[in-house]
Amino acid sequence: MASFEEIDKARRLLGLGEFASFEEIKQAYRKKAFLYHPDKSGNKNAQSEEMMKNLNRSYKLLMEYCSRYKYSFKQEEVDRAYPDEAYVRRYVYGWFEGI
């Protein structure tokens, strides 16, 4: 299990804020990997190799942390994730219930 300091360091290395989705983590990793991967960047030096190792380690750590998170499937949580659907259900479909 990782400590807060390790997780915080990993998210900062990937350039993430304090909140990020799975997709944002993946995009941040791919962006940084493109800059430092020896086959993509053309930099085949020890510094780039070390940075790629750190990026891989950070990405793996964040994915593992996120995979242990329990998601809520309660209606209020789903409504918060998809506010447009909640609006339609409440004001479009709900309007007919009063007739």
C-alpha atoms as a PDB file:
ATOM      1  CA  MET A   1       0.000   0.000   0.000  1.00  0.00           C
ATOM      2  CA  ALA A   2       1.271   3.435  -0.920  1.00  0.00           C
ATOM      3  CA  SER A   3       1.547   6.408   1.387  1.00  0.00           C
ATOM      4  CA  PHE A   4      -0.036   9.788   0.719  1.00  0.00           C
ATOM      5  CA  GLU A   5       3.410  11.225  -0.036  1.00  0.00           C
ATOM      6  CA  GLU A   6       4.050   8.586  -2.728  1.00  0.00           C
ATOM      7  CA  ILE A   7       0.658   9.138  -4.339  1.00  0.00           C
ATOM      8  CA  ASP A   8       1.051  12.921  -4.190  1.00  0.00           C
ATOM      9  CA  LYS A   9       4.513  12.719  -5.747  1.00  0.00           C
ATOM     10  CA  ALA A  10       3.171  10.442  -8.504  1.00  0.00           C
ATOM     11  CA  ARG A  11       0.304  12.773  -9.425  1.00  0.00           C
ATOM     12  CA  ARG A  12       2.629  15.798  -9.442  1.00  0.00           C
ATOM     13  CA  LEU A  13       5.112  13.974 -11.695  1.00  0.00           C
ATOM     14  CA  LEU A  14       2.295  13.384 -14.178  1.00  0.00           C
ATOM     15  CA  GLY A  15       1.240  17.030 -13.879  1.00  0.00           C
ATOM     16  CA  LEU A  16      -2.156  16.276 -12.337  1.00  0.00           C
ATOM     17  CA  GLY A  17      -4.150  18.403  -9.940  1.00  0.00           C
ATOM     18  CA  GLU A  18      -5.688  17.098  -6.734  1.00  0.00           C
ATOM     19  CA  PHE A  19      -8.676  15.679  -8.650  1.00  0.00           C
ATOM     20  CA  ALA A  20      -8.407  13.589 -11.819  1.00  0.00           C
ATOM     21  CA  SER A  21     -10.444  11.023 -13.689  1.00  0.00           C
ATOM     22  CA  PHE A  22      -9.060   7.755 -15.055  1.00  0.00           C
ATOM     23  CA  GLU A  23      -9.052   9.327 -18.506  1.00  0.00           C
ATOM     24  CA  GLU A  24      -7.125  12.395 -17.298  1.00  0.00           C
ATOM     25  CA  ILE A  25      -4.514  10.162 -15.637  1.00  0.00           C
ATOM     26  CA  LYS A  26      -4.093   8.149 -18.839  1.00  0.00           C
ATOM     27  CA  GLN A  27      -3.826  11.285 -20.983  1.00  0.00           C
ATOM     28  CA  ALA A  28      -1.265  12.864 -18.650  1.00  0.00           C
ATOM     29  CA  TYR A  29       0.819   9.681 -18.683  1.00  0.00           C
ATOM     30  CA  ARG A  30       0.711   9.396 -22.487  1.00  0.00           C
ATOM     31  CA  LYS A  31       1.662  13.043 -22.907  1.00  0.00           C
ATOM     32  CA  LYS A  32       4.680  12.731 -20.603  1.00  0.00           C
ATOM     33  CA  ALA A  33       5.665   9.318 -22.016  1.00  0.00           C
ATOM     34  CA  PHE A  34       5.710  10.808 -25.513  1.00  0.00           C
ATOM     35  CA  LEU A  35       8.208  13.414 -24.298  1.00  0.00           C
ATOM     36  CA  TYR A  36      10.564  10.976 -22.583  1.00  0.00           C
ATOM     37  CA  HIS A  37      10.190   7.567 -24.250  1.00  0.00           C
ATOM     38  CA  PRO A  38      13.443   6.836 -26.119  1.00  0.00           C
ATOM     39  CA  ASP A  39      11.623   5.466 -29.187  1.00  0.00           C
ATOM     40  CA  LYS A  40       9.296   8.482 -29.439  1.00  0.00           C
ATOM     41  CA  SER A  41      11.461  11.394 -28.361  1.00  0.00           C
ATOM     42  CA  GLY A  42      14.767  10.303 -29.852  1.00  0.00           C
ATOM     43  CA  ASN A  43      16.458  10.879 -26.487  1.00  0.00           C
ATOM     44  CA  LYS A  44      18.281   7.701 -25.594  1.00  0.00           C
ATOM     45  CA  ASN A  45      20.150   9.001 -22.579  1.00  0.00           C
ATOM     46  CA  ALA A  46      20.169   7.901 -18.948  1.00  0.00           C
ATOM     47  CA  GLN A  47      18.089  10.889 -17.839  1.00  0.00           C
ATOM     48  CA  SER A  48      15.222  10.038 -20.222  1.00  0.00           C
ATOM     49  CA  GLU A  49      15.416   6.382 -19.239  1.00  0.00           C
ATOM     50  CA  GLU A  50      15.183   7.274 -15.552  1.00  0.00           C
ATOM     51  CA  MET A  51      12.270   9.632 -16.196  1.00  0.00           C
ATOM     52  CA  MET A  52      10.399   6.876 -18.090  1.00  0.00           C
ATOM     53  CA  LYS A  53      10.933   4.515 -15.154  1.00  0.00           C
ATOM     54  CA  ASN A  54       9.538   7.146 -12.785  1.00  0.00           C
ATOM     55  CA  LEU A  55       6.580   7.836 -15.081  1.00  0.00           C
ATOM     56  CA  ASN A  56       5.777   4.124 -15.361  1.00  0.00           C
ATOM     57  CA  ARG A  57       6.033   3.698 -11.605  1.00  0.00           C
ATOM     58  CA  SER A  58       3.825   6.746 -10.984  1.00  0.00           C
ATOM     59  CA  TYR A  59       1.200   5.649 -13.491  1.00  0.00           C
ATOM     60  CA  LYS A  60       1.064   2.145 -12.043  1.00  0.00           C
ATOM     61  CA  LEU A  61       0.765   3.524  -8.504  1.00  0.00           C
ATOM     62  CA  LEU A  62      -2.093   5.887  -9.404  1.00  0.00           C
ATOM     63  CA  MET A  63      -3.955   3.205 -11.358  1.00  0.00           C
ATOM     64  CA  GLU A  64      -3.624   0.800  -8.440  1.00  0.00           C
ATOM     65  CA  TYR A  65      -4.843   3.462  -6.011  1.00  0.00           C
ATOM     66  CA  CYS A  66      -7.843   4.287  -8.208  1.00  0.00           C
ATOM     67  CA  SER A  67      -8.707   0.626  -8.765  1.00  0.00           C
ATOM     68  CA  ARG A  68      -9.213   0.215  -5.016  1.00  0.00           C
ATOM     69  CA  TYR A  69     -11.683   3.104  -4.822  1.00  0.00           C
ATOM     70  CA  LYS A  70     -15.300   2.097  -4.270  1.00  0.00           C
ATOM     71  CA  TYR A  71     -17.729   3.861  -6.556  1.00  0.00           C
ATOM     72  CA  SER A  72     -21.258   4.702  -5.541  1.00  0.00           C
ATOM     73  CA  PHE A  73     -24.076   3.652  -7.846  1.00  0.00           C
ATOM     74  CA  LYS A  74     -26.724   5.521  -5.864  1.00  0.00           C
ATOM     75  CA  GLN A  75     -29.032   7.703  -7.927  1.00  0.00           C
ATOM     76  CA  GLU A  76     -27.814  10.965  -6.381  1.00  0.00           C
ATOM     77  CA  GLU A  77     -24.207  10.079  -7.254  1.00  0.00           C
ATOM     78  CA  VAL A  78     -25.129   9.108 -10.812  1.00  0.00           C
ATOM     79  CA  ASP A  79     -27.101  12.361 -11.127  1.00  0.00           C
ATOM     80  CA  ARG A  80     -24.051  14.286  -9.968  1.00  0.00           C
ATOM     81  CA  ALA A  81     -21.906  12.559 -12.613  1.00  0.00           C
ATOM     82  CA  TYR A  82     -24.497  13.100 -15.368  1.00  0.00           C
ATOM     83  CA  PRO A  83     -26.329  16.328 -14.505  1.00  0.00           C
ATOM     84  CA  ASP A  84     -27.987  16.628 -17.941  1.00  0.00           C
ATOM     85  CA  GLU A  85     -29.727  13.276 -17.508  1.00  0.00           C
ATOM     86  CA  ALA A  86     -30.979  14.286 -14.063  1.00  0.00           C
ATOM     87  CA  TYR A  87     -32.333  17.545 -15.520  1.00  0.00           C
ATOM     88  CA  VAL A  88     -34.173  15.735 -18.319  1.00  0.00           C
ATOM     89  CA  ARG A  89     -35.626  13.186 -15.916  1.00  0.00           C
ATOM     90  CA  ARG A  90     -36.771  15.870 -13.483  1.00  0.00           C
ATOM     91  CA  TYR A  91     -38.050  18.620 -15.767  1.00  0.00           C
ATOM     92  CA  VAL A  92     -38.975  16.894 -19.018  1.00  0.00           C
ATOM     93  CA  TYR A  93     -40.297  13.529 -17.926  1.00  0.00           C
ATOM     94  CA  GLY A  94     -41.380  14.790 -14.505  1.00  0.00           C
ATOM     95  CA  TRP A  95     -43.494  17.518 -16.084  1.00  0.00           C
ATOM     96  CA  PHE A  96     -45.933  14.941 -17.475  1.00  0.00           C
ATOM     97  CA  GLU A  97     -46.500  13.345 -14.074  1.00  0.00           C
ATOM     98  CA  GLY A  98     -48.439  16.385 -12.893  1.00  0.00           C
ATOM     99  CA  ILE A  99     -50.981  16.225 -15.705  1.00  0.00           C
END
